[in-house]
Amino acid sequence: MDIERLKQLAGVNEFKGYTEYTLEDMSQTATELKKKEKANNIKPGDKEWFELWFSKPYMTGHTFRGRNKK
């Protein structure tokens, strides 16, 4: 492979535009998470609790779907 093809594959020297910076209201986010926690009967320390509070959907795309009703 030549160097130009490698640069293209790596995305080097390609300008794809600016990403708008947005602020997140942390109190609103925490309120929404707490509502999901109560609705799904999730307790602190559960596997689902860690997924709910510590997933990073903006980075990984992972979103919490909640506990299945049994």
PDB file of N, CA and C in Angstrom:
ATOM      1  N   MET A   1       0.834  -1.189   0.000  1.00  0.00           N
ATOM      2  CA  MET A   1       0.000   0.000   0.000  1.00  0.00           C
ATOM      3  C   MET A   1       0.874   1.246   0.000  1.00  0.00           C
ATOM      4  N   ASP A   2       0.400   2.226  -0.692  1.00  0.00           N
ATOM      5  CA  ASP A   2       1.151   3.475  -0.688  1.00  0.00           C
ATOM      6  C   ASP A   2       0.697   4.335   0.494  1.00  0.00           C
ATOM      7  N   ILE A   3       1.479   5.341   0.794  1.00  0.00           N
ATOM      8  CA  ILE A   3       1.252   6.179   1.975  1.00  0.00           C
ATOM      9  C   ILE A   3      -0.064   6.951   1.882  1.00  0.00           C
ATOM     10  N   GLU A   4      -0.458   7.379   0.686  1.00  0.00           N
ATOM     11  CA  GLU A   4      -1.710   8.121   0.525  1.00  0.00           C
ATOM     12  C   GLU A   4      -2.920   7.237   0.842  1.00  0.00           C
ATOM     13  N   ARG A   5      -2.877   5.988   0.450  1.00  0.00           N
ATOM     14  CA  ARG A   5      -3.975   5.051   0.751  1.00  0.00           C
ATOM     15  C   ARG A   5      -4.047   4.792   2.259  1.00  0.00           C
ATOM     16  N   LEU A   6      -2.902   4.667   2.904  1.00  0.00           N
ATOM     17  CA  LEU A   6      -2.877   4.468   4.351  1.00  0.00           C
ATOM     18  C   LEU A   6      -3.451   5.687   5.080  1.00  0.00           C
ATOM     19  N   LYS A   7      -3.110   6.887   4.625  1.00  0.00           N
ATOM     20  CA  LYS A   7      -3.657   8.105   5.220  1.00  0.00           C
ATOM     21  C   LYS A   7      -5.178   8.150   5.058  1.00  0.00           C
ATOM     22  N   GLN A   8      -5.658   7.744   3.897  1.00  0.00           N
ATOM     23  CA  GLN A   8      -7.096   7.744   3.642  1.00  0.00           C
ATOM     24  C   GLN A   8      -7.798   6.756   4.580  1.00  0.00           C
ATOM     25  N   LEU A   9      -7.260   5.584   4.742  1.00  0.00           N
ATOM     26  CA  LEU A   9      -7.856   4.582   5.624  1.00  0.00           C
ATOM     27  C   LEU A   9      -7.830   5.015   7.087  1.00  0.00           C
ATOM     28  N   ALA A  10      -6.779   5.729   7.474  1.00  0.00           N
ATOM     29  CA  ALA A  10      -6.640   6.181   8.852  1.00  0.00           C
ATOM     30  C   ALA A  10      -7.432   7.449   9.144  1.00  0.00           C
ATOM     31  N   GLY A  11      -7.904   8.111   8.095  1.00  0.00           N
ATOM     32  CA  GLY A  11      -8.646   9.350   8.293  1.00  0.00           C
ATOM     33  C   GLY A  11      -7.763  10.533   8.596  1.00  0.00           C
ATOM     34  N   VAL A  12      -6.502  10.436   8.287  1.00  0.00           N
ATOM     35  CA  VAL A  12      -5.570  11.531   8.523  1.00  0.00           C
ATOM     36  C   VAL A  12      -5.726  12.562   7.416  1.00  0.00           C
ATOM     37  N   ASN A  13      -5.638  13.832   7.804  1.00  0.00           N
ATOM     38  CA  ASN A  13      -5.716  14.950   6.869  1.00  0.00           C
ATOM     39  C   ASN A  13      -7.079  15.101   6.216  1.00  0.00           C
ATOM     40  N   GLU A  14      -8.119  14.537   6.821  1.00  0.00           N
ATOM     41  CA  GLU A  14      -9.467  14.724   6.303  1.00  0.00           C
ATOM     42  C   GLU A  14     -10.242  15.586   7.277  1.00  0.00           C
ATOM     43  N   PHE A  15     -10.775  16.690   6.810  1.00  0.00           N
ATOM     44  CA  PHE A  15     -11.587  17.543   7.656  1.00  0.00           C
ATOM     45  C   PHE A  15     -13.050  17.170   7.448  1.00  0.00           C
ATOM     46  N   LYS A  16     -13.702  16.754   8.522  1.00  0.00           N
ATOM     47  CA  LYS A  16     -15.087  16.311   8.417  1.00  0.00           C
ATOM     48  C   LYS A  16     -16.052  17.304   9.051  1.00  0.00           C
ATOM     49  N   GLY A  17     -15.600  18.499   9.322  1.00  0.00           N
ATOM     50  CA  GLY A  17     -16.459  19.524   9.891  1.00  0.00           C
ATOM     51  C   GLY A  17     -16.353  19.573  11.401  1.00  0.00           C
ATOM     52  N   TYR A  18     -16.932  20.616  11.954  1.00  0.00           N
ATOM     53  CA  TYR A  18     -16.896  20.804  13.391  1.00  0.00           C
ATOM     54  C   TYR A  18     -18.045  20.060  14.055  1.00  0.00           C
ATOM     55  N   THR A  19     -17.811  19.587  15.266  1.00  0.00           N
ATOM     56  CA  THR A  19     -18.853  18.980  16.070  1.00  0.00           C
ATOM     57  C   THR A  19     -19.309  20.006  17.085  1.00  0.00           C
ATOM     58  N   GLU A  20     -20.602  20.243  17.123  1.00  0.00           N
ATOM     59  CA  GLU A  20     -21.127  21.238  18.040  1.00  0.00           C
ATOM     60  C   GLU A  20     -20.968  20.758  19.480  1.00  0.00           C
ATOM     61  N   TYR A  21     -20.508  21.656  20.331  1.00  0.00           N
ATOM     62  CA  TYR A  21     -20.331  21.358  21.755  1.00  0.00           C
ATOM     63  C   TYR A  21     -21.630  21.668  22.471  1.00  0.00           C
ATOM     64  N   THR A  22     -22.163  20.682  23.187  1.00  0.00           N
ATOM     65  CA  THR A  22     -23.405  20.897  23.920  1.00  0.00           C
ATOM     66  C   THR A  22     -23.176  20.585  25.392  1.00  0.00           C
ATOM     67  N   LEU A  23     -23.824  21.367  26.220  1.00  0.00           N
ATOM     68  CA  LEU A  23     -23.743  21.132  27.656  1.00  0.00           C
ATOM     69  C   LEU A  23     -24.898  20.248  28.089  1.00  0.00           C
ATOM     70  N   GLU A  24     -24.639  19.409  29.072  1.00  0.00           N
ATOM     71  CA  GLU A  24     -25.664  18.520  29.581  1.00  0.00           C
ATOM     72  C   GLU A  24     -26.057  18.981  30.974  1.00  0.00           C
ATOM     73  N   ASP A  25     -27.355  19.086  31.219  1.00  0.00           N
ATOM     74  CA  ASP A  25     -27.844  19.462  32.536  1.00  0.00           C
ATOM     75  C   ASP A  25     -27.767  18.222  33.428  1.00  0.00           C
ATOM     76  N   MET A  26     -26.792  18.214  34.327  1.00  0.00           N
ATOM     77  CA  MET A  26     -26.535  17.015  35.124  1.00  0.00           C
ATOM     78  C   MET A  26     -27.681  16.690  36.063  1.00  0.00           C
ATOM     79  N   SER A  27     -28.353  17.689  36.614  1.00  0.00           N
ATOM     80  CA  SER A  27     -29.450  17.402  37.531  1.00  0.00           C
ATOM     81  C   SER A  27     -30.625  16.785  36.782  1.00  0.00           C
ATOM     82  N   GLN A  28     -30.865  17.229  35.564  1.00  0.00           N
ATOM     83  CA  GLN A  28     -31.939  16.654  34.768  1.00  0.00           C
ATOM     84  C   GLN A  28     -31.596  15.210  34.379  1.00  0.00           C
ATOM     85  N   THR A  29     -30.356  14.969  34.016  1.00  0.00           N
ATOM     86  CA  THR A  29     -29.912  13.632  33.655  1.00  0.00           C
ATOM     87  C   THR A  29     -30.025  12.689  34.845  1.00  0.00           C
ATOM     88  N   ALA A  30     -29.594  13.130  36.010  1.00  0.00           N
ATOM     89  CA  ALA A  30     -29.672  12.291  37.209  1.00  0.00           C
ATOM     90  C   ALA A  30     -31.116  11.995  37.575  1.00  0.00           C
ATOM     91  N   THR A  31     -32.014  12.960  37.406  1.00  0.00           N
ATOM     92  CA  THR A  31     -33.429  12.741  37.689  1.00  0.00           C
ATOM     93  C   THR A  31     -34.002  11.668  36.770  1.00  0.00           C
ATOM     94  N   GLU A  32     -33.658  11.733  35.494  1.00  0.00           N
ATOM     95  CA  GLU A  32     -34.128  10.721  34.538  1.00  0.00           C
ATOM     96  C   GLU A  32     -33.598   9.334  34.892  1.00  0.00           C
ATOM     97  N   LEU A  33     -32.316   9.263  35.275  1.00  0.00           N
ATOM     98  CA  LEU A  33     -31.738   7.982  35.655  1.00  0.00           C
ATOM     99  C   LEU A  33     -32.401   7.423  36.909  1.00  0.00           C
ATOM    100  N   LYS A  34     -32.685   8.277  37.855  1.00  0.00           N
ATOM    101  CA  LYS A  34     -33.327   7.852  39.093  1.00  0.00           C
ATOM    102  C   LYS A  34     -34.737   7.331  38.824  1.00  0.00           C
ATOM    103  N   LYS A  35     -35.455   7.974  37.886  1.00  0.00           N
ATOM    104  CA  LYS A  35     -36.788   7.500  37.509  1.00  0.00           C
ATOM    105  C   LYS A  35     -36.721   6.105  36.899  1.00  0.00           C
ATOM    106  N   LYS A  36     -35.729   5.881  36.010  1.00  0.00           N
ATOM    107  CA  LYS A  36     -35.554   4.557  35.417  1.00  0.00           C
ATOM    108  C   LYS A  36     -35.216   3.531  36.483  1.00  0.00           C
ATOM    109  N   GLU A  37     -34.371   3.936  37.430  1.00  0.00           N
ATOM    110  CA  GLU A  37     -33.958   3.052  38.514  1.00  0.00           C
ATOM    111  C   GLU A  37     -35.175   2.592  39.315  1.00  0.00           C
ATOM    112  N   LYS A  38     -36.054   3.518  39.672  1.00  0.00           N
ATOM    113  CA  LYS A  38     -37.252   3.182  40.453  1.00  0.00           C
ATOM    114  C   LYS A  38     -38.245   2.366  39.638  1.00  0.00           C
ATOM    115  N   ALA A  39     -38.443   2.727  38.381  1.00  0.00           N
ATOM    116  CA  ALA A  39     -39.405   2.032  37.526  1.00  0.00           C
ATOM    117  C   ALA A  39     -39.013   0.572  37.294  1.00  0.00           C
ATOM    118  N   ASN A  40     -37.715   0.304  37.233  1.00  0.00           N
ATOM    119  CA  ASN A  40     -37.233  -1.055  36.968  1.00  0.00           C
ATOM    120  C   ASN A  40     -36.797  -1.798  38.223  1.00  0.00           C
ATOM    121  N   ASN A  41     -37.036  -1.192  39.395  1.00  0.00           N
ATOM    122  CA  ASN A  41     -36.688  -1.813  40.677  1.00  0.00           C
ATOM    123  C   ASN A  41     -35.217  -2.225  40.721  1.00  0.00           C
ATOM    124  N   ILE A  42     -34.369  -1.283  40.362  1.00  0.00           N
ATOM    125  CA  ILE A  42     -32.927  -1.535  40.349  1.00  0.00           C
ATOM    126  C   ILE A  42     -32.325  -0.984  41.631  1.00  0.00           C
ATOM    127  N   LYS A  43     -31.514  -1.781  42.280  1.00  0.00           N
ATOM    128  CA  LYS A  43     -30.881  -1.382  43.534  1.00  0.00           C
ATOM    129  C   LYS A  43     -29.402  -1.065  43.300  1.00  0.00           C
ATOM    130  N   PRO A  44     -28.849  -0.101  44.068  1.00  0.00           N
ATOM    131  CA  PRO A  44     -27.423   0.198  43.941  1.00  0.00           C
ATOM    132  C   PRO A  44     -26.574  -1.052  44.176  1.00  0.00           C
ATOM    133  N   GLY A  45     -25.633  -1.260  43.290  1.00  0.00           N
ATOM    134  CA  GLY A  45     -24.750  -2.417  43.370  1.00  0.00           C
ATOM    135  C   GLY A  45     -25.119  -3.513  42.392  1.00  0.00           C
ATOM    136  N   ASP A  46     -26.360  -3.499  41.870  1.00  0.00           N
ATOM    137  CA  ASP A  46     -26.764  -4.473  40.859  1.00  0.00           C
ATOM    138  C   ASP A  46     -25.988  -4.217  39.567  1.00  0.00           C
ATOM    139  N   LYS A  47     -25.867  -5.258  38.755  1.00  0.00           N
ATOM    140  CA  LYS A  47     -25.203  -5.103  37.458  1.00  0.00           C
ATOM    141  C   LYS A  47     -25.929  -4.046  36.618  1.00  0.00           C
ATOM    142  N   GLU A  48     -27.257  -4.095  36.652  1.00  0.00           N
ATOM    143  CA  GLU A  48     -28.052  -3.133  35.890  1.00  0.00           C
ATOM    144  C   GLU A  48     -27.855  -1.707  36.399  1.00  0.00           C
ATOM    145  N   TRP A  49     -27.635  -1.551  37.699  1.00  0.00           N
ATOM    146  CA  TRP A  49     -27.422  -0.227  38.268  1.00  0.00           C
ATOM    147  C   TRP A  49     -26.142   0.402  37.702  1.00  0.00           C
ATOM    148  N   PHE A  50     -25.082  -0.403  37.634  1.00  0.00           N
ATOM    149  CA  PHE A  50     -23.822   0.101  37.071  1.00  0.00           C
ATOM    150  C   PHE A  50     -23.989   0.447  35.594  1.00  0.00           C
ATOM    151  N   GLU A  51     -24.724  -0.390  34.855  1.00  0.00           N
ATOM    152  CA  GLU A  51     -24.964  -0.085  33.439  1.00  0.00           C
ATOM    153  C   GLU A  51     -25.753   1.208  33.289  1.00  0.00           C
ATOM    154  N   LEU A  52     -26.746   1.397  34.147  1.00  0.00           N
ATOM    155  CA  LEU A  52     -27.578   2.588  34.073  1.00  0.00           C
ATOM    156  C   LEU A  52     -26.785   3.853  34.369  1.00  0.00           C
ATOM    157  N   TRP A  53     -26.019   3.850  35.439  1.00  0.00           N
ATOM    158  CA  TRP A  53     -25.342   5.063  35.880  1.00  0.00           C
ATOM    159  C   TRP A  53     -24.000   5.314  35.211  1.00  0.00           C
ATOM    160  N   PHE A  54     -23.338   4.284  34.721  1.00  0.00           N
ATOM    161  CA  PHE A  54     -21.975   4.473  34.222  1.00  0.00           C
ATOM    162  C   PHE A  54     -21.789   4.171  32.741  1.00  0.00           C
ATOM    163  N   SER A  55     -22.872   3.868  32.008  1.00  0.00           N
ATOM    164  CA  SER A  55     -22.703   3.680  30.570  1.00  0.00           C
ATOM    165  C   SER A  55     -22.466   5.048  29.933  1.00  0.00           C
ATOM    166  N   LYS A  56     -21.759   5.060  28.835  1.00  0.00           N
ATOM    167  CA  LYS A  56     -21.421   6.306  28.147  1.00  0.00           C
ATOM    168  C   LYS A  56     -21.948   6.226  26.720  1.00  0.00           C
ATOM    169  N   PRO A  57     -23.244   6.481  26.548  1.00  0.00           N
ATOM    170  CA  PRO A  57     -23.817   6.306  25.210  1.00  0.00           C
ATOM    171  C   PRO A  57     -23.217   7.215  24.154  1.00  0.00           C
ATOM    172  N   TYR A  58     -22.720   8.399  24.548  1.00  0.00           N
ATOM    173  CA  TYR A  58     -22.123   9.298  23.558  1.00  0.00           C
ATOM    174  C   TYR A  58     -20.786   8.763  23.057  1.00  0.00           C
ATOM    175  N   MET A  59     -20.130   7.944  23.882  1.00  0.00           N
ATOM    176  CA  MET A  59     -18.836   7.393  23.482  1.00  0.00           C
ATOM    177  C   MET A  59     -18.978   6.007  22.870  1.00  0.00           C
ATOM    178  N   THR A  60     -19.795   5.156  23.485  1.00  0.00           N
ATOM    179  CA  THR A  60     -19.853   3.758  23.076  1.00  0.00           C
ATOM    180  C   THR A  60     -21.097   3.387  22.303  1.00  0.00           C
ATOM    181  N   GLY A  61     -22.138   4.214  22.406  1.00  0.00           N
ATOM    182  CA  GLY A  61     -23.393   3.869  21.768  1.00  0.00           C
ATOM    183  C   GLY A  61     -24.243   2.936  22.618  1.00  0.00           C
ATOM    184  N   HIS A  62     -23.708   2.488  23.752  1.00  0.00           N
ATOM    185  CA  HIS A  62     -24.430   1.577  24.635  1.00  0.00           C
ATOM    186  C   HIS A  62     -25.495   2.351  25.396  1.00  0.00           C
ATOM    187  N   THR A  63     -26.711   1.844  25.348  1.00  0.00           N
ATOM    188  CA  THR A  63     -27.788   2.442  26.122  1.00  0.00           C
ATOM    189  C   THR A  63     -28.396   1.395  27.028  1.00  0.00           C
ATOM    190  N   PHE A  64     -28.920   1.825  28.146  1.00  0.00           N
ATOM    191  CA  PHE A  64     -29.514   0.914  29.108  1.00  0.00           C
ATOM    192  C   PHE A  64     -30.948   0.632  28.697  1.00  0.00           C
ATOM    193  N   ARG A  65     -31.308  -0.634  28.666  1.00  0.00           N
ATOM    194  CA  ARG A  65     -32.668  -1.001  28.283  1.00  0.00           C
ATOM    195  C   ARG A  65     -33.520  -1.394  29.475  1.00  0.00           C
ATOM    196  N   GLY A  66     -32.924  -1.569  30.610  1.00  0.00           N
ATOM    197  CA  GLY A  66     -33.691  -1.917  31.803  1.00  0.00           C
ATOM    198  C   GLY A  66     -33.847  -3.406  31.998  1.00  0.00           C
ATOM    199  N   ARG A  67     -34.292  -3.748  33.144  1.00  0.00           N
ATOM    200  CA  ARG A  67     -34.478  -5.145  33.518  1.00  0.00           C
ATOM    201  C   ARG A  67     -35.752  -5.677  32.876  1.00  0.00           C
ATOM    202  N   ASN A  68     -35.693  -6.904  32.378  1.00  0.00           N
ATOM    203  CA  ASN A  68     -36.887  -7.527  31.803  1.00  0.00           C
ATOM    204  C   ASN A  68     -37.838  -7.916  32.917  1.00  0.00           C
ATOM    205  N   LYS A  69     -39.118  -7.702  32.679  1.00  0.00           N
ATOM    206  CA  LYS A  69     -40.119  -8.087  33.686  1.00  0.00           C
ATOM    207  C   LYS A  69     -40.277  -9.596  33.666  1.00  0.00           C
ATOM    208  N   LYS A  70     -40.295 -10.188  34.845  1.00  0.00           N
ATOM    209  CA  LYS A  70     -40.416 -11.641  34.935  1.00  0.00           C
ATOM    210  C   LYS A  70     -41.788 -12.035  35.421  1.00  0.00           C
TER     211      LYS A  70
END
